[in-house]
PDB file of N, CA and C in Angstrom:
ATOM      1  N   UNK A   1      10.985   6.210   1.364  1.00  0.00           N
ATOM      2  CA  UNK A   1      10.420   5.446   2.475  1.00  0.00           C
ATOM      3  C   UNK A   1       8.942   5.786   2.639  1.00  0.00           C
ATOM      4  N   UNK A   2       8.085   4.855   2.269  1.00  0.00           N
ATOM      5  CA  UNK A   2       6.650   5.089   2.434  1.00  0.00           C
ATOM      6  C   UNK A   2       6.220   4.823   3.859  1.00  0.00           C
ATOM      7  N   UNK A   3       5.004   5.204   4.147  1.00  0.00           N
ATOM      8  CA  UNK A   3       4.514   5.001   5.504  1.00  0.00           C
ATOM      9  C   UNK A   3       3.688   3.733   5.570  1.00  0.00           C
ATOM     10  N   UNK A   4       4.297   2.659   6.052  1.00  0.00           N
ATOM     11  CA  UNK A   4       3.597   1.375   6.120  1.00  0.00           C
ATOM     12  C   UNK A   4       3.085   1.106   7.519  1.00  0.00           C
ATOM     13  N   UNK A   5       3.316   2.052   8.429  1.00  0.00           N
ATOM     14  CA  UNK A   5       2.974   1.791   9.830  1.00  0.00           C
ATOM     15  C   UNK A   5       1.481   1.566  10.010  1.00  0.00           C
ATOM     16  N   UNK A   6       0.671   2.214   9.181  1.00  0.00           N
ATOM     17  CA  UNK A   6      -0.783   2.037   9.282  1.00  0.00           C
ATOM     18  C   UNK A   6      -1.148   0.578   9.032  1.00  0.00           C
ATOM     19  N   UNK A   7      -0.628   0.022   7.956  1.00  0.00           N
ATOM     20  CA  UNK A   7      -0.885  -1.378   7.625  1.00  0.00           C
ATOM     21  C   UNK A   7      -0.317  -2.284   8.698  1.00  0.00           C
ATOM     22  N   UNK A   8       0.892  -1.959   9.136  1.00  0.00           N
ATOM     23  CA  UNK A   8       1.556  -2.758  10.155  1.00  0.00           C
ATOM     24  C   UNK A   8       0.759  -2.740  11.444  1.00  0.00           C
ATOM     25  N   UNK A   9       0.248  -1.560  11.794  1.00  0.00           N
ATOM     26  CA  UNK A   9      -0.554  -1.429  13.006  1.00  0.00           C
ATOM     27  C   UNK A   9      -1.813  -2.269  12.906  1.00  0.00           C
ATOM     28  N   UNK A  10      -2.484  -2.193  11.760  1.00  0.00           N
ATOM     29  CA  UNK A  10      -3.705  -2.964  11.567  1.00  0.00           C
ATOM     30  C   UNK A  10      -3.432  -4.451  11.669  1.00  0.00           C
ATOM     31  N   UNK A  11      -2.332  -4.893  11.058  1.00  0.00           N
ATOM     32  CA  UNK A  11      -1.959  -6.298  11.099  1.00  0.00           C
ATOM     33  C   UNK A  11      -1.659  -6.727  12.526  1.00  0.00           C
ATOM     34  N   UNK A  12      -0.840  -5.940  13.216  1.00  0.00           N
ATOM     35  CA  UNK A  12      -0.484  -6.252  14.593  1.00  0.00           C
ATOM     36  C   UNK A  12      -1.722  -6.299  15.466  1.00  0.00           C
ATOM     37  N   UNK A  13      -2.614  -5.336  15.252  1.00  0.00           N
ATOM     38  CA  UNK A  13      -3.834  -5.262  16.036  1.00  0.00           C
ATOM     39  C   UNK A  13      -4.663  -6.518  15.843  1.00  0.00           C
ATOM     40  N   UNK A  14      -4.811  -6.950  14.605  1.00  0.00           N
ATOM     41  CA  UNK A  14      -5.588  -8.151  14.309  1.00  0.00           C
ATOM     42  C   UNK A  14      -4.976  -9.364  14.991  1.00  0.00           C
ATOM     43  N   UNK A  15      -3.660  -9.480  14.916  1.00  0.00           N
ATOM     44  CA  UNK A  15      -2.978 -10.628  15.503  1.00  0.00           C
ATOM     45  C   UNK A  15      -3.096 -10.609  17.020  1.00  0.00           C
ATOM     46  N   UNK A  16      -2.815  -9.465  17.615  1.00  0.00           N
ATOM     47  CA  UNK A  16      -2.843  -9.365  19.071  1.00  0.00           C
ATOM     48  C   UNK A  16      -4.246  -9.533  19.618  1.00  0.00           C
ATOM     49  N   UNK A  17      -5.224  -9.040  18.863  1.00  0.00           N
ATOM     50  CA  UNK A  17      -6.598  -9.073  19.321  1.00  0.00           C
ATOM     51  C   UNK A  17      -7.087 -10.507  19.503  1.00  0.00           C
ATOM     52  N   UNK A  18      -6.495 -11.420  18.764  1.00  0.00           N
ATOM     53  CA  UNK A  18      -6.923 -12.812  18.852  1.00  0.00           C
ATOM     54  C   UNK A  18      -6.353 -13.491  20.081  1.00  0.00           C
ATOM     55  N   UNK A  19      -5.371 -12.859  20.687  1.00  0.00           N
ATOM     56  CA  UNK A  19      -4.794 -13.416  21.907  1.00  0.00           C
ATOM     57  C   UNK A  19      -5.393 -12.701  23.104  1.00  0.00           C
ATOM     58  N   UNK A  20      -5.099 -13.225  24.283  1.00  0.00           N
ATOM     59  CA  UNK A  20      -5.742 -12.668  25.472  1.00  0.00           C
ATOM     60  C   UNK A  20      -4.839 -11.677  26.185  1.00  0.00           C
ATOM     61  N   UNK A  21      -4.386 -10.682  25.440  1.00  0.00           N
ATOM     62  CA  UNK A  21      -3.544  -9.656  26.055  1.00  0.00           C
ATOM     63  C   UNK A  21      -4.073  -8.275  25.700  1.00  0.00           C
ATOM     64  N   UNK A  22      -5.385  -8.141  25.718  1.00  0.00           N
ATOM     65  CA  UNK A  22      -6.004  -6.885  25.309  1.00  0.00           C
ATOM     66  C   UNK A  22      -5.516  -5.697  26.125  1.00  0.00           C
ATOM     67  N   UNK A  23      -5.293  -5.902  27.410  1.00  0.00           N
ATOM     68  CA  UNK A  23      -4.872  -4.768  28.242  1.00  0.00           C
ATOM     69  C   UNK A  23      -3.482  -4.305  27.868  1.00  0.00           C
ATOM     70  N   UNK A  24      -2.620  -5.257  27.586  1.00  0.00           N
ATOM     71  CA  UNK A  24      -1.291  -4.867  27.121  1.00  0.00           C
ATOM     72  C   UNK A  24      -1.388  -4.253  25.743  1.00  0.00           C
ATOM     73  N   UNK A  25      -2.282  -4.801  24.943  1.00  0.00           N
ATOM     74  CA  UNK A  25      -2.463  -4.313  23.577  1.00  0.00           C
ATOM     75  C   UNK A  25      -2.805  -2.835  23.567  1.00  0.00           C
ATOM     76  N   UNK A  26      -3.627  -2.419  24.497  1.00  0.00           N
ATOM     77  CA  UNK A  26      -4.005  -1.006  24.565  1.00  0.00           C
ATOM     78  C   UNK A  26      -2.764  -0.139  24.742  1.00  0.00           C
ATOM     79  N   UNK A  27      -1.886  -0.551  25.656  1.00  0.00           N
ATOM     80  CA  UNK A  27      -0.662   0.213  25.878  1.00  0.00           C
ATOM     81  C   UNK A  27       0.223   0.171  24.644  1.00  0.00           C
ATOM     82  N   UNK A  28       0.340  -1.012  24.063  1.00  0.00           N
ATOM     83  CA  UNK A  28       1.155  -1.164  22.863  1.00  0.00           C
ATOM     84  C   UNK A  28       0.624  -0.271  21.753  1.00  0.00           C
ATOM     85  N   UNK A  29      -0.686  -0.275  21.576  1.00  0.00           N
ATOM     86  CA  UNK A  29      -1.288   0.528  20.513  1.00  0.00           C
ATOM     87  C   UNK A  29      -1.052   2.012  20.750  1.00  0.00           C
ATOM     88  N   UNK A  30      -1.161   2.445  21.982  1.00  0.00           N
ATOM     89  CA  UNK A  30      -0.950   3.872  22.264  1.00  0.00           C
ATOM     90  C   UNK A  30       0.488   4.251  21.987  1.00  0.00           C
ATOM     91  N   UNK A  31       1.403   3.387  22.416  1.00  0.00           N
ATOM     92  CA  UNK A  31       2.812   3.632  22.130  1.00  0.00           C
ATOM     93  C   UNK A  31       3.061   3.610  20.634  1.00  0.00           C
ATOM     94  N   UNK A  32       2.413   2.664  19.950  1.00  0.00           N
ATOM     95  CA  UNK A  32       2.595   2.544  18.506  1.00  0.00           C
ATOM     96  C   UNK A  32       2.066   3.781  17.795  1.00  0.00           C
ATOM     97  N   UNK A  33       0.959   4.337  18.296  1.00  0.00           N
ATOM     98  CA  UNK A  33       0.429   5.573  17.718  1.00  0.00           C
ATOM     99  C   UNK A  33       1.470   6.686  17.800  1.00  0.00           C
ATOM    100  N   UNK A  34       2.148   6.757  18.937  1.00  0.00           N
ATOM    101  CA  UNK A  34       3.186   7.773  19.106  1.00  0.00           C
ATOM    102  C   UNK A  34       4.332   7.534  18.132  1.00  0.00           C
ATOM    103  N   UNK A  35       4.770   6.285  18.038  1.00  0.00           N
ATOM    104  CA  UNK A  35       5.843   5.911  17.116  1.00  0.00           C
ATOM    105  C   UNK A  35       5.429   6.229  15.689  1.00  0.00           C
ATOM    106  N   UNK A  36       4.205   5.845  15.393  1.00  0.00           N
ATOM    107  CA  UNK A  36       3.645   6.037  14.060  1.00  0.00           C
ATOM    108  C   UNK A  36       3.636   7.516  13.686  1.00  0.00           C
ATOM    109  N   UNK A  37       3.234   8.350  14.620  1.00  0.00           N
ATOM    110  CA  UNK A  37       3.207   9.793  14.371  1.00  0.00           C
ATOM    111  C   UNK A  37       4.621  10.319  14.161  1.00  0.00           C
ATOM    112  N   UNK A  38       5.542   9.796  14.964  1.00  0.00           N
ATOM    113  CA  UNK A  38       6.925  10.242  14.853  1.00  0.00           C
ATOM    114  C   UNK A  38       7.502   9.884  13.486  1.00  0.00           C
ATOM    115  N   UNK A  39       7.155   8.696  12.994  1.00  0.00           N
ATOM    116  CA  UNK A  39       7.670   8.229  11.712  1.00  0.00           C
ATOM    117  C   UNK A  39       6.959   8.923  10.562  1.00  0.00           C
ATOM    118  N   UNK A  40       5.648   8.979  10.637  1.00  0.00           N
ATOM    119  CA  UNK A  40       4.853   9.392   9.479  1.00  0.00           C
ATOM    120  C   UNK A  40       4.499  10.861   9.487  1.00  0.00           C
ATOM    121  N   UNK A  41       4.688  11.526  10.591  1.00  0.00           N
ATOM    122  CA  UNK A  41       4.175  12.880  10.712  1.00  0.00           C
ATOM    123  C   UNK A  41       2.791  12.806  11.335  1.00  0.00           C
ATOM    124  N   UNK A  42       2.171  13.938  11.540  1.00  0.00           N
ATOM    125  CA  UNK A  42       0.917  13.966  12.282  1.00  0.00           C
ATOM    126  C   UNK A  42      -0.269  13.666  11.379  1.00  0.00           C
ATOM    127  N   UNK A  43      -0.708  12.415  11.407  1.00  0.00           N
ATOM    128  CA  UNK A  43      -1.883  12.030  10.628  1.00  0.00           C
ATOM    129  C   UNK A  43      -1.674  12.180   9.131  1.00  0.00           C
ATOM    130  N   UNK A  44      -0.444  12.085   8.693  1.00  0.00           N
ATOM    131  CA  UNK A  44      -0.136  12.289   7.282  1.00  0.00           C
ATOM    132  C   UNK A  44      -0.154  11.006   6.478  1.00  0.00           C
ATOM    133  N   UNK A  45      -0.378   9.882   7.140  1.00  0.00           N
ATOM    134  CA  UNK A  45      -0.246   8.606   6.450  1.00  0.00           C
ATOM    135  C   UNK A  45      -1.487   8.280   5.622  1.00  0.00           C
ATOM    136  N   UNK A  46      -1.269   8.173   4.318  1.00  0.00           N
ATOM    137  CA  UNK A  46      -2.354   7.767   3.411  1.00  0.00           C
ATOM    138  C   UNK A  46      -1.865   6.567   2.616  1.00  0.00           C
ATOM    139  N   UNK A  47      -2.254   5.379   3.032  1.00  0.00           N
ATOM    140  CA  UNK A  47      -1.834   4.216   2.276  1.00  0.00           C
ATOM    141  C   UNK A  47      -0.781   3.435   3.005  1.00  0.00           C
TER     142      UNK A  47
END
């Protein structure tokens, strides 16, 4: 299982950023960072 959350986060960010929910996006991104760390380890994701 590779760590695709980085790519997924970038994609989600790009998509959400085009809509007018930036304030929610901030919360989503922070939560996603936590999820991402839980899945990938602490800043271990390369690729």
